[in-house]
PDB file of all heavy atoms in Angstrom:
ATOM      1  N   VAL A   1      -6.061  12.686  -8.053  1.00  0.00           N
ATOM      2  CA  VAL A   1      -6.998  13.363  -7.219  1.00  0.00           C
ATOM      3  C   VAL A   1      -6.375  14.635  -6.595  1.00  0.00           C
ATOM      4  O   VAL A   1      -7.042  15.734  -6.506  1.00  0.00           O
ATOM      5  CB  VAL A   1      -7.514  12.448  -6.105  1.00  0.00           C
ATOM      6  CG1 VAL A   1      -8.315  13.150  -5.021  1.00  0.00           C
ATOM      7  CG2 VAL A   1      -8.349  11.311  -6.744  1.00  0.00           C
ATOM      8  N   ARG A   2      -5.116  14.563  -6.247  1.00  0.00           N
ATOM      9  CA  ARG A   2      -4.474  15.751  -5.699  1.00  0.00           C
ATOM     10  C   ARG A   2      -4.400  16.920  -6.695  1.00  0.00           C
ATOM     11  O   ARG A   2      -4.755  18.062  -6.390  1.00  0.00           O
ATOM     12  CB  ARG A   2      -3.021  15.419  -5.229  1.00  0.00           C
ATOM     13  CG  ARG A   2      -2.397  16.634  -4.502  1.00  0.00           C
ATOM     14  CD  ARG A   2      -0.858  16.400  -4.473  1.00  0.00           C
ATOM     15  NE  ARG A   2      -0.179  16.522  -5.763  1.00  0.00           N
ATOM     16  CZ  ARG A   2       0.069  17.655  -6.380  1.00  0.00           C
ATOM     17  NH1 ARG A   2      -0.344  18.823  -5.865  1.00  0.00           N
ATOM     18  NH2 ARG A   2       0.663  17.678  -7.524  1.00  0.00           N
ATOM     19  N   ARG A   3      -4.060  16.587  -7.873  1.00  0.00           N
ATOM     20  CA  ARG A   3      -4.043  17.607  -8.946  1.00  0.00           C
ATOM     21  C   ARG A   3      -5.464  18.191  -9.282  1.00  0.00           C
ATOM     22  O   ARG A   3      -5.603  19.340  -9.484  1.00  0.00           O
ATOM     23  CB  ARG A   3      -3.472  17.024 -10.279  1.00  0.00           C
ATOM     24  CG  ARG A   3      -1.979  16.748 -10.148  1.00  0.00           C
ATOM     25  CD  ARG A   3      -1.384  16.256 -11.403  1.00  0.00           C
ATOM     26  NE  ARG A   3       0.012  15.859 -11.231  1.00  0.00           N
ATOM     27  CZ  ARG A   3       0.800  15.551 -12.205  1.00  0.00           C
ATOM     28  NH1 ARG A   3       0.311  15.543 -13.452  1.00  0.00           N
ATOM     29  NH2 ARG A   3       2.038  15.169 -11.977  1.00  0.00           N
ATOM     30  N   LEU A   4      -6.477  17.289  -9.235  1.00  0.00           N
ATOM     31  CA  LEU A   4      -7.806  17.732  -9.466  1.00  0.00           C
ATOM     32  C   LEU A   4      -8.222  18.667  -8.304  1.00  0.00           C
ATOM     33  O   LEU A   4      -8.861  19.725  -8.548  1.00  0.00           O
ATOM     34  CB  LEU A   4      -8.804  16.557  -9.456  1.00  0.00           C
ATOM     35  CG  LEU A   4     -10.302  16.907  -9.593  1.00  0.00           C
ATOM     36  CD1 LEU A   4     -10.598  17.648 -10.850  1.00  0.00           C
ATOM     37  CD2 LEU A   4     -11.110  15.652  -9.474  1.00  0.00           C
ATOM     38  N   GLY A   5      -7.870  18.372  -7.082  1.00  0.00           N
ATOM     39  CA  GLY A   5      -8.201  19.207  -5.913  1.00  0.00           C
ATOM     40  C   GLY A   5      -7.524  20.584  -6.023  1.00  0.00           C
ATOM     41  O   GLY A   5      -8.135  21.641  -5.726  1.00  0.00           O
ATOM     42  N   GLU A   6      -6.309  20.598  -6.514  1.00  0.00           N
ATOM     43  CA  GLU A   6      -5.532  21.885  -6.665  1.00  0.00           C
ATOM     44  C   GLU A   6      -6.221  22.745  -7.757  1.00  0.00           C
ATOM     45  O   GLU A   6      -6.420  23.925  -7.597  1.00  0.00           O
ATOM     46  CB  GLU A   6      -4.107  21.609  -6.997  1.00  0.00           C
ATOM     47  CG  GLU A   6      -3.273  20.977  -5.911  1.00  0.00           C
ATOM     48  CD  GLU A   6      -3.053  21.939  -4.704  1.00  0.00           C
ATOM     49  OE1 GLU A   6      -3.290  23.162  -4.826  1.00  0.00           O
ATOM     50  OE2 GLU A   6      -2.643  21.418  -3.674  1.00  0.00           O
ATOM     51  N   LEU A   7      -6.573  22.073  -8.841  1.00  0.00           N
ATOM     52  CA  LEU A   7      -7.302  22.777  -9.917  1.00  0.00           C
ATOM     53  C   LEU A   7      -8.617  23.303  -9.442  1.00  0.00           C
ATOM     54  O   LEU A   7      -8.991  24.455  -9.736  1.00  0.00           O
ATOM     55  CB  LEU A   7      -7.479  21.821 -11.086  1.00  0.00           C
ATOM     56  CG  LEU A   7      -8.281  22.436 -12.336  1.00  0.00           C
ATOM     57  CD1 LEU A   7      -7.532  23.644 -12.892  1.00  0.00           C
ATOM     58  CD2 LEU A   7      -8.445  21.385 -13.362  1.00  0.00           C
ATOM     59  N   ALA A   8      -9.381  22.524  -8.708  1.00  0.00           N
ATOM     60  CA  ALA A   8     -10.685  22.911  -8.226  1.00  0.00           C
ATOM     61  C   ALA A   8     -10.532  24.162  -7.317  1.00  0.00           C
ATOM     62  O   ALA A   8     -11.265  25.093  -7.395  1.00  0.00           O
ATOM     63  CB  ALA A   8     -11.341  21.824  -7.399  1.00  0.00           C
ATOM     64  N   ARG A   9      -9.490  24.157  -6.433  1.00  0.00           N
ATOM     65  CA  ARG A   9      -9.305  25.305  -5.543  1.00  0.00           C
ATOM     66  C   ARG A   9      -8.971  26.597  -6.353  1.00  0.00           C
ATOM     67  O   ARG A   9      -9.523  27.638  -6.047  1.00  0.00           O
ATOM     68  CB  ARG A   9      -8.138  25.000  -4.576  1.00  0.00           C
ATOM     69  CG  ARG A   9      -7.997  26.121  -3.567  1.00  0.00           C
ATOM     70  CD  ARG A   9      -6.814  25.955  -2.614  1.00  0.00           C
ATOM     71  NE  ARG A   9      -5.530  25.476  -3.269  1.00  0.00           N
ATOM     72  CZ  ARG A   9      -4.790  26.332  -3.995  1.00  0.00           C
ATOM     73  NH1 ARG A   9      -5.068  27.561  -4.153  1.00  0.00           N
ATOM     74  NH2 ARG A   9      -3.692  25.779  -4.575  1.00  0.00           N
ATOM     75  N   ILE A  10      -8.178  26.461  -7.302  1.00  0.00           N
ATOM     76  CA  ILE A  10      -7.817  27.601  -8.188  1.00  0.00           C
ATOM     77  C   ILE A  10      -9.066  28.134  -8.866  1.00  0.00           C
ATOM     78  O   ILE A  10      -9.301  29.357  -8.851  1.00  0.00           O
ATOM     79  CB  ILE A  10      -6.701  27.207  -9.184  1.00  0.00           C
ATOM     80  CG1 ILE A  10      -5.409  26.970  -8.528  1.00  0.00           C
ATOM     81  CG2 ILE A  10      -6.592  28.322 -10.289  1.00  0.00           C
ATOM     82  CD1 ILE A  10      -4.374  26.242  -9.375  1.00  0.00           C
ATOM     83  N   LEU A  11      -9.841  27.291  -9.480  1.00  0.00           N
ATOM     84  CA  LEU A  11     -11.054  27.745 -10.213  1.00  0.00           C
ATOM     85  C   LEU A  11     -12.106  28.292  -9.251  1.00  0.00           C
ATOM     86  O   LEU A  11     -12.745  29.299  -9.570  1.00  0.00           O
ATOM     87  CB  LEU A  11     -11.557  26.588 -11.092  1.00  0.00           C
ATOM     88  CG  LEU A  11     -10.635  26.233 -12.211  1.00  0.00           C
ATOM     89  CD1 LEU A  11     -11.202  24.987 -12.969  1.00  0.00           C
ATOM     90  CD2 LEU A  11     -10.412  27.330 -13.181  1.00  0.00           C
ATOM     91  N   THR A  12     -12.326  27.669  -8.133  1.00  0.00           N
ATOM     92  CA  THR A  12     -13.297  28.167  -7.168  1.00  0.00           C
ATOM     93  C   THR A  12     -12.847  29.463  -6.516  1.00  0.00           C
ATOM     94  O   THR A  12     -13.649  30.362  -6.210  1.00  0.00           O
ATOM     95  CB  THR A  12     -13.721  27.094  -6.150  1.00  0.00           C
ATOM     96  OG1 THR A  12     -12.548  26.621  -5.441  1.00  0.00           O
ATOM     97  CG2 THR A  12     -14.482  25.923  -6.791  1.00  0.00           C
ATOM     98  N   ASP A  13     -11.484  29.583  -6.258  1.00  0.00           N
ATOM     99  CA  ASP A  13     -10.928  30.815  -5.749  1.00  0.00           C
ATOM    100  C   ASP A  13     -11.228  31.971  -6.709  1.00  0.00           C
ATOM    101  O   ASP A  13     -11.407  33.122  -6.324  1.00  0.00           O
ATOM    102  CB  ASP A  13      -9.464  30.734  -5.415  1.00  0.00           C
ATOM    103  CG  ASP A  13      -9.189  30.133  -4.109  1.00  0.00           C
ATOM    104  OD1 ASP A  13     -10.045  29.895  -3.323  1.00  0.00           O
ATOM    105  OD2 ASP A  13      -7.965  29.791  -3.905  1.00  0.00           O
ATOM    106  N   ALA A  14     -11.251  31.674  -8.006  1.00  0.00           N
ATOM    107  CA  ALA A  14     -11.449  32.657  -9.015  1.00  0.00           C
ATOM    108  C   ALA A  14     -12.979  32.946  -9.211  1.00  0.00           C
ATOM    109  O   ALA A  14     -13.340  33.831 -10.012  1.00  0.00           O
ATOM    110  CB  ALA A  14     -10.923  32.167 -10.338  1.00  0.00           C
ATOM    111  N   GLY A  15     -13.791  32.256  -8.450  1.00  0.00           N
ATOM    112  CA  GLY A  15     -15.228  32.547  -8.446  1.00  0.00           C
ATOM    113  C   GLY A  15     -16.095  31.661  -9.375  1.00  0.00           C
ATOM    114  O   GLY A  15     -17.269  31.956  -9.519  1.00  0.00           O
ATOM    115  N   LEU A  16     -15.522  30.693  -9.909  1.00  0.00           N
ATOM    116  CA  LEU A  16     -16.216  29.759 -10.759  1.00  0.00           C
ATOM    117  C   LEU A  16     -16.861  28.639 -10.057  1.00  0.00           C
ATOM    118  O   LEU A  16     -16.366  28.202  -8.993  1.00  0.00           O
ATOM    119  CB  LEU A  16     -15.258  29.112 -11.831  1.00  0.00           C
ATOM    120  CG  LEU A  16     -15.001  29.940 -13.094  1.00  0.00           C
ATOM    121  CD1 LEU A  16     -14.120  31.044 -12.805  1.00  0.00           C
ATOM    122  CD2 LEU A  16     -14.473  29.022 -14.211  1.00  0.00           C
ATOM    123  N   ILE A  17     -17.934  28.168 -10.588  1.00  0.00           N
ATOM    124  CA  ILE A  17     -18.513  26.870 -10.097  1.00  0.00           C
ATOM    125  C   ILE A  17     -17.864  25.875 -11.026  1.00  0.00           C
ATOM    126  O   ILE A  17     -17.976  25.836 -12.214  1.00  0.00           O
ATOM    127  CB  ILE A  17     -20.056  26.857 -10.388  1.00  0.00           C
ATOM    128  CG1 ILE A  17     -20.722  27.902  -9.496  1.00  0.00           C
ATOM    129  CG2 ILE A  17     -20.581  25.467  -9.988  1.00  0.00           C
ATOM    130  CD1 ILE A  17     -22.203  28.087  -9.865  1.00  0.00           C
ATOM    131  N   PHE A  18     -17.078  24.968 -10.344  1.00  0.00           N
ATOM    132  CA  PHE A  18     -16.232  23.983 -11.108  1.00  0.00           C
ATOM    133  C   PHE A  18     -17.035  22.614 -10.999  1.00  0.00           C
ATOM    134  O   PHE A  18     -17.390  22.222  -9.918  1.00  0.00           O
ATOM    135  CB  PHE A  18     -14.860  23.865 -10.495  1.00  0.00           C
ATOM    136  CG  PHE A  18     -14.036  22.822 -11.135  1.00  0.00           C
ATOM    137  CD1 PHE A  18     -13.721  22.841 -12.445  1.00  0.00           C
ATOM    138  CD2 PHE A  18     -13.559  21.701 -10.348  1.00  0.00           C
ATOM    139  CE1 PHE A  18     -12.980  21.829 -13.054  1.00  0.00           C
ATOM    140  CE2 PHE A  18     -12.765  20.754 -10.908  1.00  0.00           C
ATOM    141  CZ  PHE A  18     -12.426  20.758 -12.264  1.00  0.00           C
ATOM    142  N   ILE A  19     -17.158  21.963 -12.107  1.00  0.00           N
ATOM    143  CA  ILE A  19     -17.937  20.712 -12.177  1.00  0.00           C
ATOM    144  C   ILE A  19     -16.978  19.668 -12.795  1.00  0.00           C
ATOM    145  O   ILE A  19     -16.275  19.976 -13.854  1.00  0.00           O
ATOM    146  CB  ILE A  19     -19.175  20.887 -13.068  1.00  0.00           C
ATOM    147  CG1 ILE A  19     -20.079  21.927 -12.535  1.00  0.00           C
ATOM    148  CG2 ILE A  19     -19.904  19.503 -13.157  1.00  0.00           C
ATOM    149  CD1 ILE A  19     -21.233  22.309 -13.532  1.00  0.00           C
ATOM    150  N   THR A  20     -16.965  18.498 -12.274  1.00  0.00           N
ATOM    151  CA  THR A  20     -16.218  17.382 -12.850  1.00  0.00           C
ATOM    152  C   THR A  20     -17.012  16.126 -12.579  1.00  0.00           C
ATOM    153  O   THR A  20     -17.899  16.099 -11.724  1.00  0.00           O
ATOM    154  CB  THR A  20     -14.774  17.246 -12.349  1.00  0.00           C
ATOM    155  OG1 THR A  20     -14.102  16.377 -13.243  1.00  0.00           O
ATOM    156  CG2 THR A  20     -14.742  16.870 -10.943  1.00  0.00           C
ATOM    157  N   ALA A  21     -16.667  15.072 -13.283  1.00  0.00           N
ATOM    158  CA  ALA A  21     -17.351  13.773 -13.095  1.00  0.00           C
ATOM    159  C   ALA A  21     -16.195  12.781 -12.833  1.00  0.00           C
ATOM    160  O   ALA A  21     -15.308  12.610 -13.659  1.00  0.00           O
ATOM    161  CB  ALA A  21     -18.158  13.374 -14.320  1.00  0.00           C
ATOM    162  N   ILE A  22     -16.251  12.132 -11.673  1.00  0.00           N
ATOM    163  CA  ILE A  22     -15.177  11.188 -11.317  1.00  0.00           C
ATOM    164  C   ILE A  22     -15.756   9.807 -11.217  1.00  0.00           C
ATOM    165  O   ILE A  22     -16.712   9.577 -10.429  1.00  0.00           O
ATOM    166  CB  ILE A  22     -14.599  11.595  -9.909  1.00  0.00           C
ATOM    167  CG1 ILE A  22     -14.182  13.045  -9.916  1.00  0.00           C
ATOM    168  CG2 ILE A  22     -13.482  10.630  -9.500  1.00  0.00           C
ATOM    169  CD1 ILE A  22     -13.735  13.503  -8.557  1.00  0.00           C
ATOM    170  N   ASP A  23     -15.135   8.889 -11.939  1.00  0.00           N
ATOM    171  CA  ASP A  23     -15.565   7.462 -11.841  1.00  0.00           C
ATOM    172  C   ASP A  23     -15.076   6.870 -10.510  1.00  0.00           C
ATOM    173  O   ASP A  23     -14.025   7.044 -10.141  1.00  0.00           O
ATOM    174  CB  ASP A  23     -14.929   6.631 -12.889  1.00  0.00           C
ATOM    175  CG  ASP A  23     -15.548   6.963 -14.330  1.00  0.00           C
ATOM    176  OD1 ASP A  23     -16.658   7.507 -14.381  1.00  0.00           O
ATOM    177  OD2 ASP A  23     -14.797   6.691 -15.380  1.00  0.00           O
ATOM    178  N   GLU A  24     -16.076   6.248  -9.825  1.00  0.00           N
ATOM    179  CA  GLU A  24     -15.727   5.422  -8.608  1.00  0.00           C
ATOM    180  C   GLU A  24     -14.925   6.082  -7.573  1.00  0.00           C
ATOM    181  O   GLU A  24     -14.051   5.437  -6.961  1.00  0.00           O
ATOM    182  CB  GLU A  24     -15.082   4.155  -9.156  1.00  0.00           C
ATOM    183  CG  GLU A  24     -15.830   3.345 -10.184  1.00  0.00           C
ATOM    184  CD  GLU A  24     -15.203   2.148 -10.726  1.00  0.00           C
ATOM    185  OE1 GLU A  24     -14.220   1.597 -10.065  1.00  0.00           O
ATOM    186  OE2 GLU A  24     -15.637   1.649 -11.759  1.00  0.00           O
ATOM    187  N   ALA A  25     -15.254   7.348  -7.248  1.00  0.00           N
ATOM    188  CA  ALA A  25     -14.624   8.009  -6.208  1.00  0.00           C
ATOM    189  C   ALA A  25     -14.875   7.337  -4.840  1.00  0.00           C
ATOM    190  O   ALA A  25     -15.999   6.848  -4.659  1.00  0.00           O
ATOM    191  CB  ALA A  25     -14.999   9.484  -6.122  1.00  0.00           C
ATOM    192  N   ASP A  26     -13.908   7.294  -3.923  1.00  0.00           N
ATOM    193  CA  ASP A  26     -14.163   6.679  -2.668  1.00  0.00           C
ATOM    194  C   ASP A  26     -14.062   7.736  -1.539  1.00  0.00           C
ATOM    195  O   ASP A  26     -13.818   8.914  -1.819  1.00  0.00           O
ATOM    196  CB  ASP A  26     -13.241   5.442  -2.395  1.00  0.00           C
ATOM    197  CG  ASP A  26     -11.744   5.800  -2.437  1.00  0.00           C
ATOM    198  OD1 ASP A  26     -11.424   7.002  -2.262  1.00  0.00           O
ATOM    199  OD2 ASP A  26     -10.916   4.864  -2.577  1.00  0.00           O
ATOM    200  N   ASP A  27     -14.153   7.313  -0.320  1.00  0.00           N
ATOM    201  CA  ASP A  27     -14.149   8.226   0.860  1.00  0.00           C
ATOM    202  C   ASP A  27     -12.798   9.011   0.890  1.00  0.00           C
ATOM    203  O   ASP A  27     -12.725  10.199   1.106  1.00  0.00           O
ATOM    204  CB  ASP A  27     -14.278   7.497   2.130  1.00  0.00           C
ATOM    205  CG  ASP A  27     -15.618   6.924   2.324  1.00  0.00           C
ATOM    206  OD1 ASP A  27     -16.620   7.539   2.018  1.00  0.00           O
ATOM    207  OD2 ASP A  27     -15.719   5.696   2.720  1.00  0.00           O
ATOM    208  N   PHE A  28     -11.701   8.314   0.592  1.00  0.00           N
ATOM    209  CA  PHE A  28     -10.339   8.965   0.628  1.00  0.00           C
ATOM    210  C   PHE A  28     -10.304  10.034  -0.403  1.00  0.00           C
ATOM    211  O   PHE A  28      -9.826  11.184  -0.174  1.00  0.00           O
ATOM    212  CB  PHE A  28      -9.306   7.940   0.418  1.00  0.00           C
ATOM    213  CG  PHE A  28      -7.860   8.517   0.420  1.00  0.00           C
ATOM    214  CD1 PHE A  28      -7.224   8.867   1.615  1.00  0.00           C
ATOM    215  CD2 PHE A  28      -7.260   8.752  -0.789  1.00  0.00           C
ATOM    216  CE1 PHE A  28      -6.009   9.444   1.542  1.00  0.00           C
ATOM    217  CE2 PHE A  28      -5.978   9.319  -0.859  1.00  0.00           C
ATOM    218  CZ  PHE A  28      -5.344   9.685   0.313  1.00  0.00           C
ATOM    219  N   ASP A  29     -10.857   9.768  -1.589  1.00  0.00           N
ATOM    220  CA  ASP A  29     -10.810  10.736  -2.763  1.00  0.00           C
ATOM    221  C   ASP A  29     -11.610  12.010  -2.344  1.00  0.00           C
ATOM    222  O   ASP A  29     -11.216  13.149  -2.529  1.00  0.00           O
ATOM    223  CB  ASP A  29     -11.447  10.196  -4.026  1.00  0.00           C
ATOM    224  CG  ASP A  29     -10.657   9.041  -4.548  1.00  0.00           C
ATOM    225  OD1 ASP A  29      -9.464   8.926  -4.343  1.00  0.00           O
ATOM    226  OD2 ASP A  29     -11.268   8.166  -5.199  1.00  0.00           O
TER     227      ASP A  29
END
């Protein structure tokens, strides 16, 4: 999840709409 979050920040900082599908994410995730 930490790596996914870092990747999301990089891609959204670059101006992209980043989409992913996560199985069974919980509040902490």
